[in-house]
Amino acid sequence: MRVRDWKDILAEVSDESTDPAGWRAVAGQRRTGVGEDLYVGHPSRGVYHLKTYAKNPFEVKGVGTQIARKVDGDIDSLLPTDEEGGRFAVQSPPEDEEHAKTMATRLEETVRVHREAPTSPEHFFEDLMEAIESPAFGPMEYELDDRPDRLDSLASTFEEAEELLDAELEDLIDDDEIGRGFA
């Protein structure tokens, strides 16, 4: 199991050509210490686990790894379905100004079409994500101030990865002297 910077994991999720709407995620507070846990999975791409913390209001740091090469029956039930909860998306910045203008035009057109012919919130979300070329999006269970039960279930399923990533994240936190406060 190779532990990498959390941004490298998100870049891998973003770079691969796969069904962008097939991703699912679970996130919430870490069991102990500062920071958050995030599991993101896709049937054909596997499951990734990320642990992050805010070093300060402008900088997030963290680590992650791929914990499964595919979403099988045991893991599938631990990830939310389209009918559940909220939504998440990974976004890559436009390549240049022309690309940004093209994306903005598509976004405006998508909003106009949905305003004139209302559809379901799910279809609107999917069309918006396609308009801005999101490489990964889908349902997400997230608790800002707590831990969804699914986080504990995933942590138990992938106990070795949980322990390794916790240790790596704690090293980052100690190196940054988080918890000492500001002087």
C-alpha atoms as a PDB file:
ATOM      1  CA  MET A   1       0.000   0.000   0.000  1.00  0.00           C
ATOM      2  CA  ARG A   2       1.510   3.280  -1.140  1.00  0.00           C
ATOM      3  CA  VAL A   3       0.721   6.381   0.927  1.00  0.00           C
ATOM      4  CA  ARG A   4       0.740   9.605  -1.071  1.00  0.00           C
ATOM      5  CA  ASP A   5      -0.183  13.250  -0.688  1.00  0.00           C
ATOM      6  CA  TRP A   6      -3.960  13.688  -0.755  1.00  0.00           C
ATOM      7  CA  LYS A   7      -3.742  16.010  -3.761  1.00  0.00           C
ATOM      8  CA  ASP A   8      -2.016  13.247  -5.756  1.00  0.00           C
ATOM      9  CA  ILE A   9      -4.929  10.926  -5.017  1.00  0.00           C
ATOM     10  CA  LEU A  10      -7.448  13.539  -6.205  1.00  0.00           C
ATOM     11  CA  ALA A  11      -5.339  14.125  -9.322  1.00  0.00           C
ATOM     12  CA  GLU A  12      -5.435  10.389 -10.038  1.00  0.00           C
ATOM     13  CA  VAL A  13      -9.207  10.324  -9.602  1.00  0.00           C
ATOM     14  CA  SER A  14      -9.484  13.354 -11.910  1.00  0.00           C
ATOM     15  CA  ASP A  15      -7.067  12.166 -14.581  1.00  0.00           C
ATOM     16  CA  GLU A  16      -8.447   8.750 -15.305  1.00  0.00           C
ATOM     17  CA  SER A  17     -11.021   8.401 -18.055  1.00  0.00           C
ATOM     18  CA  THR A  18     -13.997   6.701 -16.475  1.00  0.00           C
ATOM     19  CA  ASP A  19     -17.701   7.318 -15.968  1.00  0.00           C
ATOM     20  CA  PRO A  20     -17.558  10.552 -13.924  1.00  0.00           C
ATOM     21  CA  ALA A  21     -21.053  10.007 -12.471  1.00  0.00           C
ATOM     22  CA  GLY A  22     -20.115   6.597 -11.058  1.00  0.00           C
ATOM     23  CA  TRP A  23     -18.242   7.879  -8.011  1.00  0.00           C
ATOM     24  CA  ARG A  24     -19.624   7.697  -4.461  1.00  0.00           C
ATOM     25  CA  ALA A  25     -18.194   9.105  -1.230  1.00  0.00           C
ATOM     26  CA  VAL A  26     -18.452   9.043   2.553  1.00  0.00           C
ATOM     27  CA  ALA A  27     -16.815  11.687   4.744  1.00  0.00           C
ATOM     28  CA  GLY A  28     -16.771  13.089   8.255  1.00  0.00           C
ATOM     29  CA  GLN A  29     -14.605  13.783  11.274  1.00  0.00           C
ATOM     30  CA  ARG A  30     -11.678  11.534  12.108  1.00  0.00           C
ATOM     31  CA  ARG A  31     -12.308   9.137  14.966  1.00  0.00           C
ATOM     32  CA  THR A  32      -9.503  10.766  17.010  1.00  0.00           C
ATOM     33  CA  GLY A  33      -7.554  13.953  16.551  1.00  0.00           C
ATOM     34  CA  VAL A  34      -8.057  16.839  14.168  1.00  0.00           C
ATOM     35  CA  GLY A  35      -9.092  16.432  10.570  1.00  0.00           C
ATOM     36  CA  GLU A  36     -11.443  14.535   8.319  1.00  0.00           C
ATOM     37  CA  ASP A  37     -11.749  11.112   6.705  1.00  0.00           C
ATOM     38  CA  LEU A  38     -12.918  10.682   3.121  1.00  0.00           C
ATOM     39  CA  TYR A  39     -13.587   7.469   1.227  1.00  0.00           C
ATOM     40  CA  VAL A  40     -14.319   7.800  -2.470  1.00  0.00           C
ATOM     41  CA  GLY A  41     -15.086   4.832  -4.709  1.00  0.00           C
ATOM     42  CA  HIS A  42     -15.991   3.893  -8.268  1.00  0.00           C
ATOM     43  CA  PRO A  43     -17.053   0.402  -9.426  1.00  0.00           C
ATOM     44  CA  SER A  44     -14.277   0.106 -12.013  1.00  0.00           C
ATOM     45  CA  ARG A  45     -11.644   2.288 -10.318  1.00  0.00           C
ATOM     46  CA  GLY A  46     -11.711   1.037  -6.764  1.00  0.00           C
ATOM     47  CA  VAL A  47     -11.792   2.812  -3.429  1.00  0.00           C
ATOM     48  CA  TYR A  48      -9.489   5.532  -2.127  1.00  0.00           C
ATOM     49  CA  HIS A  49      -9.098   6.685   1.458  1.00  0.00           C
ATOM     50  CA  LEU A  50      -7.938  10.209   2.278  1.00  0.00           C
ATOM     51  CA  LYS A  51      -7.226  11.854   5.616  1.00  0.00           C
ATOM     52  CA  THR A  52      -6.884  15.630   5.712  1.00  0.00           C
ATOM     53  CA  TYR A  53      -6.652  18.522   8.151  1.00  0.00           C
ATOM     54  CA  ALA A  54      -6.634  22.294   7.866  1.00  0.00           C
ATOM     55  CA  LYS A  55      -3.154  23.545   8.741  1.00  0.00           C
ATOM     56  CA  ASN A  56      -4.639  27.034   8.707  1.00  0.00           C
ATOM     57  CA  PRO A  57      -7.708  28.605   7.073  1.00  0.00           C
ATOM     58  CA  PHE A  58      -5.912  28.715   3.710  1.00  0.00           C
ATOM     59  CA  GLU A  59      -4.057  25.398   3.564  1.00  0.00           C
ATOM     60  CA  VAL A  60      -5.283  21.810   3.730  1.00  0.00           C
ATOM     61  CA  LYS A  61      -2.804  18.966   4.104  1.00  0.00           C
ATOM     62  CA  GLY A  62      -3.287  15.234   4.093  1.00  0.00           C
ATOM     63  CA  VAL A  63      -2.455  11.741   2.915  1.00  0.00           C
ATOM     64  CA  GLY A  64      -4.244   9.001   1.044  1.00  0.00           C
ATOM     65  CA  THR A  65      -4.009   5.635  -0.636  1.00  0.00           C
ATOM     66  CA  GLN A  66      -5.966   3.265  -2.819  1.00  0.00           C
ATOM     67  CA  ILE A  67      -7.454   0.610  -0.553  1.00  0.00           C
ATOM     68  CA  ALA A  68      -9.347  -1.533  -3.080  1.00  0.00           C
ATOM     69  CA  ARG A  69      -9.014  -2.056  -6.824  1.00  0.00           C
ATOM     70  CA  LYS A  70     -12.762  -2.454  -7.341  1.00  0.00           C
ATOM     71  CA  VAL A  71     -16.023  -1.997  -5.477  1.00  0.00           C
ATOM     72  CA  ASP A  72     -17.266  -5.490  -4.702  1.00  0.00           C
ATOM     73  CA  GLY A  73     -20.361  -6.618  -2.819  1.00  0.00           C
ATOM     74  CA  ASP A  74     -18.854  -6.114   0.642  1.00  0.00           C
ATOM     75  CA  ILE A  75     -17.779  -2.546  -0.101  1.00  0.00           C
ATOM     76  CA  ASP A  76     -20.754  -1.574  -2.261  1.00  0.00           C
ATOM     77  CA  SER A  77     -23.164  -1.509   0.679  1.00  0.00           C
ATOM     78  CA  LEU A  78     -20.826   0.835   2.580  1.00  0.00           C
ATOM     79  CA  LEU A  79     -21.036   3.569  -0.074  1.00  0.00           C
ATOM     80  CA  PRO A  80     -24.153   5.722  -0.578  1.00  0.00           C
ATOM     81  CA  THR A  81     -26.547   5.234  -3.466  1.00  0.00           C
ATOM     82  CA  ASP A  82     -27.989   7.882  -5.800  1.00  0.00           C
ATOM     83  CA  GLU A  83     -31.128   8.036  -3.673  1.00  0.00           C
ATOM     84  CA  GLU A  84     -29.249   8.941  -0.496  1.00  0.00           C
ATOM     85  CA  GLY A  85     -27.858  12.114   0.962  1.00  0.00           C
ATOM     86  CA  GLY A  86     -25.982  14.907  -0.678  1.00  0.00           C
ATOM     87  CA  ARG A  87     -23.664  15.219  -3.630  1.00  0.00           C
ATOM     88  CA  PHE A  88     -19.961  15.844  -4.164  1.00  0.00           C
ATOM     89  CA  ALA A  89     -17.800  16.706  -7.139  1.00  0.00           C
ATOM     90  CA  VAL A  90     -14.131  16.942  -7.990  1.00  0.00           C
ATOM     91  CA  GLN A  91     -13.293  19.872 -10.211  1.00  0.00           C
ATOM     92  CA  SER A  92     -10.253  20.584 -12.335  1.00  0.00           C
ATOM     93  CA  PRO A  93      -9.510  24.186 -13.277  1.00  0.00           C
ATOM     94  CA  PRO A  94      -9.942  25.289 -16.894  1.00  0.00           C
ATOM     95  CA  GLU A  95      -6.852  24.876 -19.053  1.00  0.00           C
ATOM     96  CA  ASP A  96      -6.853  28.510 -20.217  1.00  0.00           C
ATOM     97  CA  GLU A  97      -9.086  31.545 -20.642  1.00  0.00           C
ATOM     98  CA  GLU A  98     -10.755  30.188 -23.787  1.00  0.00           C
ATOM     99  CA  HIS A  99     -11.602  26.912 -22.045  1.00  0.00           C
ATOM    100  CA  ALA A 100     -13.034  28.887 -19.092  1.00  0.00           C
ATOM    101  CA  LYS A 101     -15.266  30.885 -21.436  1.00  0.00           C
ATOM    102  CA  THR A 102     -16.489  27.684 -23.115  1.00  0.00           C
ATOM    103  CA  MET A 103     -17.306  26.129 -19.741  1.00  0.00           C
ATOM    104  CA  ALA A 104     -19.124  29.295 -18.617  1.00  0.00           C
ATOM    105  CA  THR A 105     -21.217  29.305 -21.800  1.00  0.00           C
ATOM    106  CA  ARG A 106     -22.158  25.640 -21.324  1.00  0.00           C
ATOM    107  CA  LEU A 107     -22.995  26.313 -17.676  1.00  0.00           C
ATOM    108  CA  GLU A 108     -25.252  29.254 -18.568  1.00  0.00           C
ATOM    109  CA  GLU A 109     -27.003  27.190 -21.242  1.00  0.00           C
ATOM    110  CA  THR A 110     -27.554  24.308 -18.824  1.00  0.00           C
ATOM    111  CA  VAL A 111     -29.117  26.600 -16.226  1.00  0.00           C
ATOM    112  CA  ARG A 112     -31.322  28.219 -18.894  1.00  0.00           C
ATOM    113  CA  VAL A 113     -32.558  24.859 -20.194  1.00  0.00           C
ATOM    114  CA  HIS A 114     -33.391  23.605 -16.703  1.00  0.00           C
ATOM    115  CA  ARG A 115     -35.118  26.874 -15.832  1.00  0.00           C
ATOM    116  CA  GLU A 116     -37.354  26.613 -18.915  1.00  0.00           C
ATOM    117  CA  ALA A 117     -38.070  22.899 -18.611  1.00  0.00           C
ATOM    118  CA  PRO A 118     -37.683  21.968 -14.939  1.00  0.00           C
ATOM    119  CA  THR A 119     -36.381  18.482 -14.235  1.00  0.00           C
ATOM    120  CA  SER A 120     -35.343  16.628 -11.112  1.00  0.00           C
ATOM    121  CA  PRO A 121     -32.576  17.981  -8.874  1.00  0.00           C
ATOM    122  CA  GLU A 122     -30.514  14.867  -9.723  1.00  0.00           C
ATOM    123  CA  HIS A 123     -30.699  15.553 -13.476  1.00  0.00           C
ATOM    124  CA  PHE A 124     -29.875  19.218 -12.912  1.00  0.00           C
ATOM    125  CA  PHE A 125     -26.823  18.271 -10.822  1.00  0.00           C
ATOM    126  CA  GLU A 126     -25.592  15.769 -13.425  1.00  0.00           C
ATOM    127  CA  ASP A 127     -26.052  18.258 -16.267  1.00  0.00           C
ATOM    128  CA  LEU A 128     -24.172  20.938 -14.313  1.00  0.00           C
ATOM    129  CA  MET A 129     -21.289  18.567 -13.624  1.00  0.00           C
ATOM    130  CA  GLU A 130     -21.101  17.645 -17.304  1.00  0.00           C
ATOM    131  CA  ALA A 131     -21.179  21.336 -18.288  1.00  0.00           C
ATOM    132  CA  ILE A 132     -18.179  22.116 -16.095  1.00  0.00           C
ATOM    133  CA  GLU A 133     -16.460  18.847 -17.074  1.00  0.00           C
ATOM    134  CA  SER A 134     -16.224  17.435 -13.562  1.00  0.00           C
ATOM    135  CA  PRO A 135     -14.101  14.265 -13.721  1.00  0.00           C
ATOM    136  CA  ALA A 136     -15.789  12.709 -10.665  1.00  0.00           C
ATOM    137  CA  PHE A 137     -19.133  13.287  -8.992  1.00  0.00           C
ATOM    138  CA  GLY A 138     -21.950  11.449  -7.309  1.00  0.00           C
ATOM    139  CA  PRO A 139     -23.782  10.786  -4.053  1.00  0.00           C
ATOM    140  CA  MET A 140     -22.081  11.495  -0.754  1.00  0.00           C
ATOM    141  CA  GLU A 141     -22.846  10.892   2.895  1.00  0.00           C
ATOM    142  CA  TYR A 142     -21.180  13.635   4.913  1.00  0.00           C
ATOM    143  CA  GLU A 143     -21.395  14.818   8.497  1.00  0.00           C
ATOM    144  CA  LEU A 144     -19.615  18.060   9.328  1.00  0.00           C
ATOM    145  CA  ASP A 145     -19.534  17.638  13.103  1.00  0.00           C
ATOM    146  CA  ASP A 146     -19.615  13.853  13.435  1.00  0.00           C
ATOM    147  CA  ARG A 147     -18.798  10.529  11.787  1.00  0.00           C
ATOM    148  CA  PRO A 148     -21.301   8.670   9.644  1.00  0.00           C
ATOM    149  CA  ASP A 149     -21.648   5.025  10.708  1.00  0.00           C
ATOM    150  CA  ARG A 150     -20.323   4.062   7.264  1.00  0.00           C
ATOM    151  CA  LEU A 151     -16.963   5.665   8.106  1.00  0.00           C
ATOM    152  CA  ASP A 152     -16.549   3.320  11.055  1.00  0.00           C
ATOM    153  CA  SER A 153     -17.607   0.348   8.931  1.00  0.00           C
ATOM    154  CA  LEU A 154     -15.106   1.262   6.200  1.00  0.00           C
ATOM    155  CA  ALA A 155     -12.372   1.847   8.803  1.00  0.00           C
ATOM    156  CA  SER A 156     -13.027  -1.620  10.263  1.00  0.00           C
ATOM    157  CA  THR A 157     -13.015  -3.202   6.808  1.00  0.00           C
ATOM    158  CA  PHE A 158      -9.696  -1.555   5.926  1.00  0.00           C
ATOM    159  CA  GLU A 159      -8.123  -1.533   9.385  1.00  0.00           C
ATOM    160  CA  GLU A 160      -4.505  -1.742   8.195  1.00  0.00           C
ATOM    161  CA  ALA A 161      -4.910   1.276   5.894  1.00  0.00           C
ATOM    162  CA  GLU A 162      -6.727   3.180   8.649  1.00  0.00           C
ATOM    163  CA  GLU A 163      -3.838   2.683  11.072  1.00  0.00           C
ATOM    164  CA  LEU A 164      -1.163   3.513   8.493  1.00  0.00           C
ATOM    165  CA  LEU A 165      -2.893   6.696   7.278  1.00  0.00           C
ATOM    166  CA  ASP A 166      -3.612   7.814  10.855  1.00  0.00           C
ATOM    167  CA  ALA A 167       0.092   7.474  11.708  1.00  0.00           C
ATOM    168  CA  GLU A 168       1.153   9.358   8.559  1.00  0.00           C
ATOM    169  CA  LEU A 169      -1.360  12.147   9.208  1.00  0.00           C
ATOM    170  CA  GLU A 170      -0.301  12.436  12.860  1.00  0.00           C
ATOM    171  CA  ASP A 171       3.309  12.885  11.674  1.00  0.00           C
ATOM    172  CA  LEU A 172       2.205  15.745   9.398  1.00  0.00           C
ATOM    173  CA  ILE A 173       0.214  17.330  12.218  1.00  0.00           C
ATOM    174  CA  ASP A 174       3.163  17.041  14.621  1.00  0.00           C
ATOM    175  CA  ASP A 175       5.571  18.497  12.029  1.00  0.00           C
ATOM    176  CA  ASP A 176       3.243  21.476  11.537  1.00  0.00           C
ATOM    177  CA  GLU A 177       2.833  21.884  15.310  1.00  0.00           C
ATOM    178  CA  ILE A 178      -0.954  21.953  14.988  1.00  0.00           C
ATOM    179  CA  GLY A 179      -2.537  21.994  18.421  1.00  0.00           C
ATOM    180  CA  ARG A 180      -0.021  24.421  19.877  1.00  0.00           C
ATOM    181  CA  GLY A 181      -2.211  27.353  18.917  1.00  0.00           C
ATOM    182  CA  PHE A 182      -1.162  30.693  17.563  1.00  0.00           C
ATOM    183  CA  ALA A 183       1.243  32.940  19.470  1.00  0.00           C
END
